[in-house]
Amino acid sequence: MTIECGDSSLVYMVRIWCKAEDYWNVNWDLTENGKRLLDREGIEIPYPQMDVHMK
């Protein structure tokens, strides 16, 4: 579910169901593996930027 549309991003909410004692390991593994998947597919996380040209 998209929870926010930013200037250069879409923010998604991901809910995790697991045993309470596994929560942080699952959370960090999902974050790390998600980033690796984005990198492998050539998907970059956007960020606001401004180019200034001076003459």
N, C-alpha and C. Protein backbone atom coordinates (compact mmCIF):
# COMPACT_ATOMS: atom_id res chain seq x y z
N MET A 1 0.84 -1.17 0.00
CA MET A 1 0.00 0.00 0.00
C MET A 1 0.89 1.24 0.00
N THR A 2 0.64 2.16 -0.92
CA THR A 2 1.38 3.42 -0.95
C THR A 2 0.81 4.33 0.13
N ILE A 3 1.68 4.84 1.00
CA ILE A 3 1.19 5.72 2.07
C ILE A 3 1.55 7.17 1.84
N GLU A 4 2.47 7.43 0.89
CA GLU A 4 2.87 8.81 0.65
C GLU A 4 3.45 8.94 -0.75
N CYS A 5 3.11 10.02 -1.41
CA CYS A 5 3.71 10.36 -2.70
C CYS A 5 4.52 11.62 -2.49
N GLY A 6 5.84 11.49 -2.49
CA GLY A 6 6.72 12.62 -2.29
C GLY A 6 7.08 13.27 -3.62
N ASP A 7 7.94 14.29 -3.57
CA ASP A 7 8.38 14.98 -4.77
C ASP A 7 9.07 14.03 -5.74
N SER A 8 9.85 13.12 -5.21
CA SER A 8 10.58 12.19 -6.08
C SER A 8 10.59 10.78 -5.50
N SER A 9 9.49 10.40 -4.86
CA SER A 9 9.45 9.07 -4.25
C SER A 9 8.03 8.60 -4.02
N LEU A 10 7.91 7.29 -3.87
CA LEU A 10 6.69 6.66 -3.39
C LEU A 10 7.08 5.92 -2.12
N VAL A 11 6.34 6.13 -1.05
CA VAL A 11 6.65 5.50 0.22
C VAL A 11 5.63 4.39 0.44
N TYR A 12 6.14 3.17 0.67
CA TYR A 12 5.28 2.02 0.88
C TYR A 12 5.37 1.55 2.32
N MET A 13 4.27 1.00 2.82
CA MET A 13 4.24 0.39 4.13
C MET A 13 4.30 -1.12 3.94
N VAL A 14 5.22 -1.76 4.63
CA VAL A 14 5.33 -3.21 4.59
C VAL A 14 5.09 -3.72 6.00
N ARG A 15 4.15 -4.65 6.13
CA ARG A 15 3.86 -5.22 7.44
C ARG A 15 4.45 -6.61 7.52
N ILE A 16 5.06 -6.90 8.65
CA ILE A 16 5.74 -8.17 8.85
C ILE A 16 5.00 -8.98 9.91
N TRP A 17 4.69 -10.23 9.57
CA TRP A 17 4.11 -11.14 10.55
C TRP A 17 5.13 -12.24 10.81
N CYS A 18 5.61 -12.30 12.03
CA CYS A 18 6.58 -13.33 12.42
C CYS A 18 6.54 -13.46 13.94
N LYS A 19 7.30 -14.39 14.44
CA LYS A 19 7.41 -14.53 15.89
C LYS A 19 8.06 -13.26 16.46
N ALA A 20 7.61 -12.85 17.61
CA ALA A 20 8.14 -11.62 18.22
C ALA A 20 9.66 -11.67 18.37
N GLU A 21 10.19 -12.81 18.76
CA GLU A 21 11.64 -12.90 18.97
C GLU A 21 12.43 -12.85 17.66
N ASP A 22 11.76 -13.05 16.51
CA ASP A 22 12.42 -12.99 15.20
C ASP A 22 12.26 -11.65 14.51
N TYR A 23 11.49 -10.74 15.10
CA TYR A 23 11.10 -9.52 14.41
C TYR A 23 12.28 -8.72 13.85
N TRP A 24 13.26 -8.39 14.69
CA TRP A 24 14.34 -7.52 14.22
C TRP A 24 15.20 -8.19 13.17
N ASN A 25 15.46 -9.49 13.31
CA ASN A 25 16.23 -10.19 12.27
C ASN A 25 15.47 -10.19 10.95
N VAL A 26 14.19 -10.45 10.99
CA VAL A 26 13.37 -10.45 9.77
C VAL A 26 13.33 -9.04 9.18
N ASN A 27 13.13 -8.04 10.01
CA ASN A 27 13.06 -6.65 9.56
C ASN A 27 14.35 -6.25 8.83
N TRP A 28 15.51 -6.49 9.45
CA TRP A 28 16.78 -6.10 8.84
C TRP A 28 17.07 -6.92 7.59
N ASP A 29 16.73 -8.23 7.59
CA ASP A 29 16.95 -9.05 6.40
C ASP A 29 16.10 -8.56 5.23
N LEU A 30 14.85 -8.20 5.49
CA LEU A 30 14.00 -7.68 4.42
C LEU A 30 14.54 -6.37 3.86
N THR A 31 15.01 -5.50 4.73
CA THR A 31 15.56 -4.23 4.29
C THR A 31 16.80 -4.44 3.43
N GLU A 32 17.71 -5.28 3.90
CA GLU A 32 18.96 -5.53 3.17
C GLU A 32 18.69 -6.23 1.84
N ASN A 33 17.86 -7.27 1.86
CA ASN A 33 17.57 -8.00 0.63
C ASN A 33 16.77 -7.15 -0.36
N GLY A 34 15.90 -6.30 0.15
CA GLY A 34 15.15 -5.39 -0.72
C GLY A 34 16.08 -4.43 -1.45
N LYS A 35 17.05 -3.88 -0.74
CA LYS A 35 18.02 -2.97 -1.36
C LYS A 35 18.87 -3.70 -2.39
N ARG A 36 19.28 -4.92 -2.08
CA ARG A 36 20.07 -5.70 -3.04
C ARG A 36 19.27 -5.99 -4.31
N LEU A 37 17.99 -6.28 -4.15
CA LEU A 37 17.13 -6.54 -5.30
C LEU A 37 17.00 -5.29 -6.17
N LEU A 38 16.77 -4.15 -5.54
CA LEU A 38 16.69 -2.90 -6.29
C LEU A 38 17.99 -2.63 -7.05
N ASP A 39 19.13 -2.84 -6.40
CA ASP A 39 20.42 -2.64 -7.06
C ASP A 39 20.59 -3.59 -8.24
N ARG A 40 20.25 -4.86 -8.04
CA ARG A 40 20.41 -5.86 -9.09
C ARG A 40 19.57 -5.52 -10.32
N GLU A 41 18.39 -4.95 -10.10
CA GLU A 41 17.49 -4.61 -11.19
C GLU A 41 17.76 -3.22 -11.77
N GLY A 42 18.77 -2.52 -11.21
CA GLY A 42 19.13 -1.19 -11.72
C GLY A 42 18.15 -0.10 -11.31
N ILE A 43 17.42 -0.33 -10.23
CA ILE A 43 16.44 0.65 -9.76
C ILE A 43 17.11 1.50 -8.69
N GLU A 44 17.18 2.80 -8.94
CA GLU A 44 17.82 3.71 -7.99
C GLU A 44 16.77 4.41 -7.15
N ILE A 45 17.11 4.66 -5.89
CA ILE A 45 16.23 5.40 -5.01
C ILE A 45 16.41 6.88 -5.34
N PRO A 46 15.34 7.56 -5.73
CA PRO A 46 15.47 8.97 -6.13
C PRO A 46 15.72 9.88 -4.93
N TYR A 47 16.31 11.00 -5.22
CA TYR A 47 16.50 12.02 -4.20
C TYR A 47 16.36 13.38 -4.87
N PRO A 48 15.86 14.36 -4.14
CA PRO A 48 15.72 15.69 -4.72
C PRO A 48 17.11 16.26 -5.03
N GLN A 49 17.23 16.90 -6.15
CA GLN A 49 18.49 17.56 -6.49
C GLN A 49 18.21 18.80 -7.31
N MET A 50 19.18 19.70 -7.31
CA MET A 50 19.06 20.92 -8.08
C MET A 50 20.38 21.13 -8.80
N ASP A 51 20.30 21.37 -10.11
CA ASP A 51 21.48 21.69 -10.88
C ASP A 51 21.54 23.20 -11.08
N VAL A 52 22.67 23.78 -10.74
CA VAL A 52 22.86 25.20 -10.88
C VAL A 52 23.89 25.44 -11.98
N HIS A 53 23.52 26.22 -12.99
CA HIS A 53 24.42 26.55 -14.10
C HIS A 53 24.72 28.04 -14.02
N MET A 54 26.00 28.38 -13.98
CA MET A 54 26.38 29.79 -13.90
C MET A 54 27.13 30.17 -15.16
N LYS A 55 26.84 31.34 -15.69
CA LYS A 55 27.52 31.84 -16.87
C LYS A 55 28.44 32.97 -16.50
